[in-house]
């Protein structure tokens, strides 16, 4: 092996080990200045999971891409938005033994609300088996907050009421969003427990206040 190839391989292996956050966008991806794009561009330990087609999503293909990313970066935190949340839920329902550090699930979307997402079918309703937080707003077209709250309870996730925040995307003012990383930090700290104690819940509420400020 040439010296260049040797050090190149070492660098690639180190880079692979560095990834601690896998960002899973929804329909049409999360192009700049979406907060997921911002996160990936400002955090060398985060990576967006690429999909074969962002505009015409196929559930099996999306789940396969996320699975491959997790196998390459075990114990990473999954951060999903919109349809990406639903893809993560399907994945965890099908592959419960995958090594996942936790799931931050922002603005889940009901697949039946668009012909382009209908192939994802019914949303899995079972405990996800990993520490999780669901963040949803009160005026999101893609899913009523009451439905998101019920899913959080079924999934065994903590719930964050984001207030009047639309779909928590660029259109509703969520470009750069530093406070979202507070949620991720909490999940990383609590990955050894599937439930939140009262003290932990207080810490999450502090994070919510930071989001709204």
Protein backbone atom coordinates (compact mmCIF):
# COMPACT_ATOMS: atom_id res chain seq x y z
CA UNK A 1 0.00 0.00 0.00
CA UNK A 2 1.35 3.43 -0.90
CA UNK A 3 2.04 5.84 1.93
CA UNK A 4 -0.66 8.21 0.63
CA UNK A 5 -3.23 5.42 0.51
CA UNK A 6 -2.26 4.27 4.01
CA UNK A 7 -2.72 7.66 5.62
CA UNK A 8 -5.81 8.26 3.53
CA UNK A 9 -7.33 5.08 4.93
CA UNK A 10 -6.45 6.09 8.48
CA UNK A 11 -8.04 9.49 7.97
CA UNK A 12 -11.19 7.94 6.52
CA UNK A 13 -11.46 5.52 9.45
CA UNK A 14 -11.03 8.34 11.94
CA UNK A 15 -13.64 10.42 10.13
CA UNK A 16 -16.10 7.54 10.20
CA UNK A 17 -15.60 7.09 13.94
CA UNK A 18 -16.19 10.81 14.54
CA UNK A 19 -19.79 10.80 13.29
CA UNK A 20 -22.05 11.01 16.33
CA UNK A 21 -25.20 12.49 14.75
CA UNK A 22 -27.10 11.27 11.70
CA UNK A 23 -29.52 13.85 10.33
CA UNK A 24 -32.55 12.41 8.53
CA UNK A 25 -34.45 15.02 6.46
CA UNK A 26 -37.97 14.71 5.18
CA UNK A 27 -39.65 15.24 1.81
CA UNK A 28 -37.49 17.29 -0.60
CA UNK A 29 -34.54 17.14 1.78
CA UNK A 30 -33.26 19.93 3.99
CA UNK A 31 -31.39 22.35 1.72
CA UNK A 32 -29.79 25.53 3.00
CA UNK A 33 -30.81 27.36 5.15
CA UNK A 34 -32.83 24.57 6.83
CA UNK A 35 -31.67 23.87 10.38
CA UNK A 36 -30.58 20.32 9.46
CA UNK A 37 -28.34 21.67 6.69
CA UNK A 38 -27.01 24.29 9.12
CA UNK A 39 -26.30 21.57 11.71
CA UNK A 40 -24.38 19.44 9.21
CA UNK A 41 -22.35 22.42 7.98
CA UNK A 42 -21.40 23.58 11.49
CA UNK A 43 -20.76 20.24 13.22
CA UNK A 44 -18.01 17.92 11.90
CA UNK A 45 -19.50 15.05 13.91
CA UNK A 46 -22.86 15.28 12.10
CA UNK A 47 -23.82 13.97 8.69
CA UNK A 48 -26.99 14.09 6.60
CA UNK A 49 -28.22 10.67 5.49
CA UNK A 50 -28.46 10.88 1.70
CA UNK A 51 -31.45 9.44 -0.10
CA UNK A 52 -31.74 8.25 -3.68
CA UNK A 53 -34.74 10.52 -4.24
CA UNK A 54 -35.84 13.36 -1.96
CA UNK A 55 -38.81 14.38 -4.11
CA UNK A 56 -40.32 10.92 -4.81
CA UNK A 57 -39.60 9.00 -1.60
CA UNK A 58 -39.82 5.21 -1.41
CA UNK A 59 -40.07 3.94 2.14
CA UNK A 60 -37.96 0.82 1.68
CA UNK A 61 -35.18 2.76 -0.04
CA UNK A 62 -35.17 5.45 2.65
CA UNK A 63 -35.08 2.89 5.46
CA UNK A 64 -32.25 1.02 3.73
CA UNK A 65 -30.19 4.22 3.47
CA UNK A 66 -30.69 5.02 7.15
CA UNK A 67 -29.82 1.44 8.11
CA UNK A 68 -26.58 1.61 6.12
CA UNK A 69 -25.65 4.87 7.83
CA UNK A 70 -26.28 3.39 11.28
CA UNK A 71 -24.22 0.30 10.51
CA UNK A 72 -21.36 2.57 9.43
CA UNK A 73 -21.77 4.77 12.52
CA UNK A 74 -23.16 2.66 15.38
CA UNK A 75 -24.51 4.42 18.47
CA UNK A 76 -25.07 7.67 16.57
CA UNK A 77 -28.01 9.88 17.51
CA UNK A 78 -30.74 10.02 14.84
CA UNK A 79 -32.23 13.48 14.25
CA UNK A 80 -35.28 13.29 12.02
CA UNK A 81 -37.53 15.98 10.59
CA UNK A 82 -40.97 15.52 9.07
CA UNK A 83 -41.09 12.37 6.90
CA UNK A 84 -37.63 11.54 8.21
CA UNK A 85 -39.25 10.98 11.62
CA UNK A 86 -41.63 8.44 10.12
CA UNK A 87 -38.78 6.67 8.33
CA UNK A 88 -36.93 6.40 11.66
CA UNK A 89 -40.04 4.99 13.36
CA UNK A 90 -40.41 2.34 10.63
CA UNK A 91 -36.73 1.47 10.93
CA UNK A 92 -36.85 1.04 14.70
CA UNK A 93 -39.98 -1.10 14.37
CA UNK A 94 -38.25 -3.37 11.84
CA UNK A 95 -34.69 -3.41 13.20
CA UNK A 96 -34.92 -3.08 17.00
CA UNK A 97 -31.42 -4.49 17.54
CA UNK A 98 -29.59 -1.75 15.65
CA UNK A 99 -27.17 0.22 17.82
CA UNK A 100 -28.74 3.67 18.04
CA UNK A 101 -27.85 6.30 20.63
CA UNK A 102 -31.30 7.91 20.65
CA UNK A 103 -33.81 9.67 18.43
CA UNK A 104 -34.69 13.36 18.25
CA UNK A 105 -37.91 13.50 16.25
CA UNK A 106 -38.94 16.97 15.06
CA UNK A 107 -42.30 17.79 13.42
CA UNK A 108 -43.49 14.28 12.47
CA UNK A 109 -45.55 14.18 9.28
CA UNK A 110 -48.65 12.12 8.55
CA UNK A 111 -47.83 10.26 5.28
CA UNK A 112 -51.47 10.23 4.19
CA UNK A 113 -51.49 14.01 3.82
CA UNK A 114 -49.66 13.87 0.49
CA UNK A 115 -49.72 11.48 -2.46
CA UNK A 116 -45.92 11.75 -2.57
CA UNK A 117 -45.57 10.37 0.96
CA UNK A 118 -48.49 7.96 1.05
CA UNK A 119 -46.23 4.99 0.30
CA UNK A 120 -44.92 5.16 3.87
CA UNK A 121 -48.28 3.82 5.01
CA UNK A 122 -49.41 3.76 8.62
CA UNK A 123 -47.10 5.14 11.26
CA UNK A 124 -45.76 2.41 13.59
CA UNK A 125 -47.36 2.63 17.02
CA UNK A 126 -45.06 0.80 19.42
CA UNK A 127 -42.30 1.62 21.88
CA UNK A 128 -39.20 2.64 19.93
CA UNK A 129 -36.84 1.10 22.43
CA UNK A 130 -34.39 4.02 22.50
CA UNK A 131 -34.28 7.33 24.39
CA UNK A 132 -36.33 9.75 22.32
CA UNK A 133 -37.80 13.23 22.20
CA UNK A 134 -40.66 14.33 19.96
CA UNK A 135 -40.91 18.07 19.26
CA UNK A 136 -44.10 19.27 17.58
CA UNK A 137 -45.92 22.57 17.14
CA UNK A 138 -49.54 23.55 17.60
CA UNK A 139 -50.15 24.70 14.01
CA UNK A 140 -48.40 22.16 11.82
CA UNK A 141 -50.32 21.22 8.66
CA UNK A 142 -48.50 17.91 8.44
CA UNK A 143 -49.71 16.59 11.79
CA UNK A 144 -52.04 17.78 14.54
CA UNK A 145 -50.18 18.29 17.80
CA UNK A 146 -52.55 15.98 19.68
CA UNK A 147 -51.63 13.18 17.29
CA UNK A 148 -47.91 13.92 17.72
CA UNK A 149 -48.31 13.91 21.49
CA UNK A 150 -50.10 10.53 21.36
CA UNK A 151 -47.34 9.11 19.19
CA UNK A 152 -44.70 10.35 21.62
CA UNK A 153 -46.45 8.53 24.45
CA UNK A 154 -46.75 5.33 22.40
CA UNK A 155 -43.12 5.56 21.27
CA UNK A 156 -41.91 6.03 24.85
CA UNK A 157 -40.58 9.50 24.01
CA UNK A 158 -40.56 12.75 25.92
CA UNK A 159 -42.73 15.44 24.30
CA UNK A 160 -41.81 19.05 23.58
CA UNK A 161 -44.60 21.56 22.85
CA UNK A 162 -43.00 23.99 20.40
CA UNK A 163 -45.90 26.43 20.47
CA UNK A 164 -46.96 28.12 17.23
CA UNK A 165 -43.97 26.96 15.21
CA UNK A 166 -45.51 25.70 11.98
CA UNK A 167 -43.64 22.77 10.48
CA UNK A 168 -40.42 23.79 12.29
CA UNK A 169 -38.75 24.45 8.96
CA UNK A 170 -37.37 27.37 6.98
CA UNK A 171 -40.85 28.68 6.17
CA UNK A 172 -41.60 29.00 9.89
CA UNK A 173 -38.27 30.63 10.71
CA UNK A 174 -36.11 27.63 11.60
CA UNK A 175 -32.90 28.16 9.70
CA UNK A 176 -29.90 28.17 12.07
CA UNK A 177 -31.30 26.77 15.33
CA UNK A 178 -28.62 26.37 18.03
CA UNK A 179 -31.09 25.35 20.73
CA UNK A 180 -31.96 22.10 18.92
CA UNK A 181 -28.53 20.80 19.88
CA UNK A 182 -29.51 21.11 23.54
CA UNK A 183 -32.11 18.39 22.99
CA UNK A 184 -29.48 16.25 21.28
CA UNK A 185 -27.08 16.73 24.19
CA UNK A 186 -29.76 15.61 26.64
CA UNK A 187 -30.42 12.45 24.64
CA UNK A 188 -26.72 11.69 24.37
CA UNK A 189 -26.40 12.03 28.15
CA UNK A 190 -29.42 9.85 28.81
CA UNK A 191 -28.82 7.11 26.24
CA UNK A 192 -28.52 4.51 28.99
CA UNK A 193 -32.12 5.08 30.07
CA UNK A 194 -35.34 4.86 28.08
CA UNK A 195 -37.22 7.13 30.45
CA UNK A 196 -36.70 10.61 31.86
CA UNK A 197 -36.59 11.25 35.60
CA UNK A 198 -38.14 14.41 37.00
CA UNK A 199 -34.69 16.00 37.13
CA UNK A 200 -34.04 15.14 33.52
CA UNK A 201 -37.46 16.45 32.52
CA UNK A 202 -36.60 19.75 34.21
CA UNK A 203 -33.46 19.96 32.10
CA UNK A 204 -35.52 19.40 28.95
CA UNK A 205 -37.90 22.17 30.00
CA UNK A 206 -34.89 24.49 30.29
CA UNK A 207 -34.01 23.56 26.74
CA UNK A 208 -37.58 24.36 25.61
CA UNK A 209 -37.29 27.81 27.15
CA UNK A 210 -34.06 28.33 25.20
CA UNK A 211 -35.81 27.35 21.97
CA UNK A 212 -38.59 29.87 22.52
CA UNK A 213 -36.34 32.77 23.60
